[in-house]
Protein backbone atom coordinates (compact mmCIF):
# COMPACT_ATOMS: atom_id res chain seq x y z
CA UNK A 1 -9.61 -15.37 3.58
CA UNK A 2 -7.01 -18.03 5.11
CA UNK A 3 -3.74 -17.22 5.91
CA UNK A 4 -2.21 -19.49 3.18
CA UNK A 5 -4.17 -17.61 0.61
CA UNK A 6 -3.37 -14.55 1.78
CA UNK A 7 0.43 -14.80 1.79
CA UNK A 8 0.28 -16.03 -1.69
CA UNK A 9 -1.51 -12.40 -3.12
CA UNK A 10 1.47 -10.28 -4.66
CA UNK A 11 -0.45 -9.33 -7.74
CA UNK A 12 -3.34 -7.57 -7.87
CA UNK A 13 -5.56 -6.56 -10.88
CA UNK A 14 -8.37 -3.55 -10.76
CA UNK A 15 -10.43 -2.80 -13.56
CA UNK A 16 -11.57 0.82 -14.00
CA UNK A 17 -10.39 4.12 -14.16
CA UNK A 18 -11.96 6.25 -11.64
CA UNK A 19 -11.98 7.59 -8.22
CA UNK A 20 -13.14 4.31 -6.73
CA UNK A 21 -10.48 2.20 -8.33
CA UNK A 22 -7.86 4.65 -6.95
CA UNK A 23 -9.11 4.32 -3.64
CA UNK A 24 -8.78 0.59 -3.75
CA UNK A 25 -5.37 0.67 -5.27
CA UNK A 26 -4.10 3.15 -2.57
CA UNK A 27 -5.54 1.02 0.54
CA UNK A 28 -4.19 -2.26 -1.24
CA UNK A 29 -0.72 -0.81 -2.05
CA UNK A 30 -0.20 -0.40 1.97
CA UNK A 31 -0.36 -4.12 2.54
CA UNK A 32 3.64 -5.31 2.65
CA UNK A 33 2.31 -8.56 0.72
CA UNK A 34 1.44 -6.54 -2.23
CA UNK A 35 4.05 -6.55 -4.83
CA UNK A 36 2.27 -4.89 -7.68
CA UNK A 37 -1.10 -3.37 -8.71
CA UNK A 38 -2.30 -3.13 -12.25
CA UNK A 39 -5.06 -0.84 -13.25
CA UNK A 40 -6.71 -1.54 -16.32
CA UNK A 41 -7.05 1.26 -17.86
CA UNK A 42 -6.38 3.15 -14.98
CA UNK A 43 -5.96 6.98 -15.31
CA UNK A 44 -3.45 9.85 -14.41
CA UNK A 45 -4.03 9.96 -10.84
CA UNK A 46 -3.38 5.99 -10.53
CA UNK A 47 -0.21 6.10 -11.83
CA UNK A 48 0.93 7.95 -8.77
CA UNK A 49 0.00 5.52 -6.39
CA UNK A 50 2.72 3.60 -5.03
CA UNK A 51 3.12 -0.35 -6.66
CA UNK A 52 0.70 0.92 -9.40
CA UNK A 53 1.11 0.28 -13.03
CA UNK A 54 -1.58 1.51 -15.58
CA UNK A 55 -2.26 -0.67 -18.37
CA UNK A 56 -4.14 0.12 -21.55
CA UNK A 57 -6.14 -2.43 -23.25
CA UNK A 58 -4.65 -2.24 -26.99
CA UNK A 59 -2.94 -5.00 -28.87
CA UNK A 60 0.91 -3.83 -27.55
CA UNK A 61 -0.19 -4.54 -24.28
CA UNK A 62 -2.11 -8.32 -24.78
CA UNK A 63 0.71 -10.28 -23.92
CA UNK A 64 1.37 -8.52 -20.94
CA UNK A 65 -2.13 -8.50 -19.45
CA UNK A 66 -1.94 -12.20 -20.46
CA UNK A 67 0.92 -12.61 -18.45
CA UNK A 68 -0.24 -10.75 -15.61
CA UNK A 69 -3.56 -12.65 -15.36
CA UNK A 70 -1.86 -15.63 -15.27
CA UNK A 71 0.45 -14.76 -12.17
CA UNK A 72 -2.60 -13.83 -10.37
CA UNK A 73 -3.60 -16.15 -7.26
CA UNK A 74 -7.14 -14.86 -6.74
CA UNK A 75 -9.45 -12.89 -9.27
CA UNK A 76 -12.86 -11.62 -7.49
């Protein structure tokens, strides 16, 4: 990853609700360039991780999900 791309990474989306996803979020939140991590759907433990927000895939969150995905610099 080039320096230019890595400097733009601010918002991350992780899809899943298990321990692996929590471990990824916990490790990623340590990076000073990361402002927000969205876990879809996440779980009770992921809500305790700094910079993390759980998103449910229900109708009410559809607009927020679309806005979040549109604000991403890199989708992998």
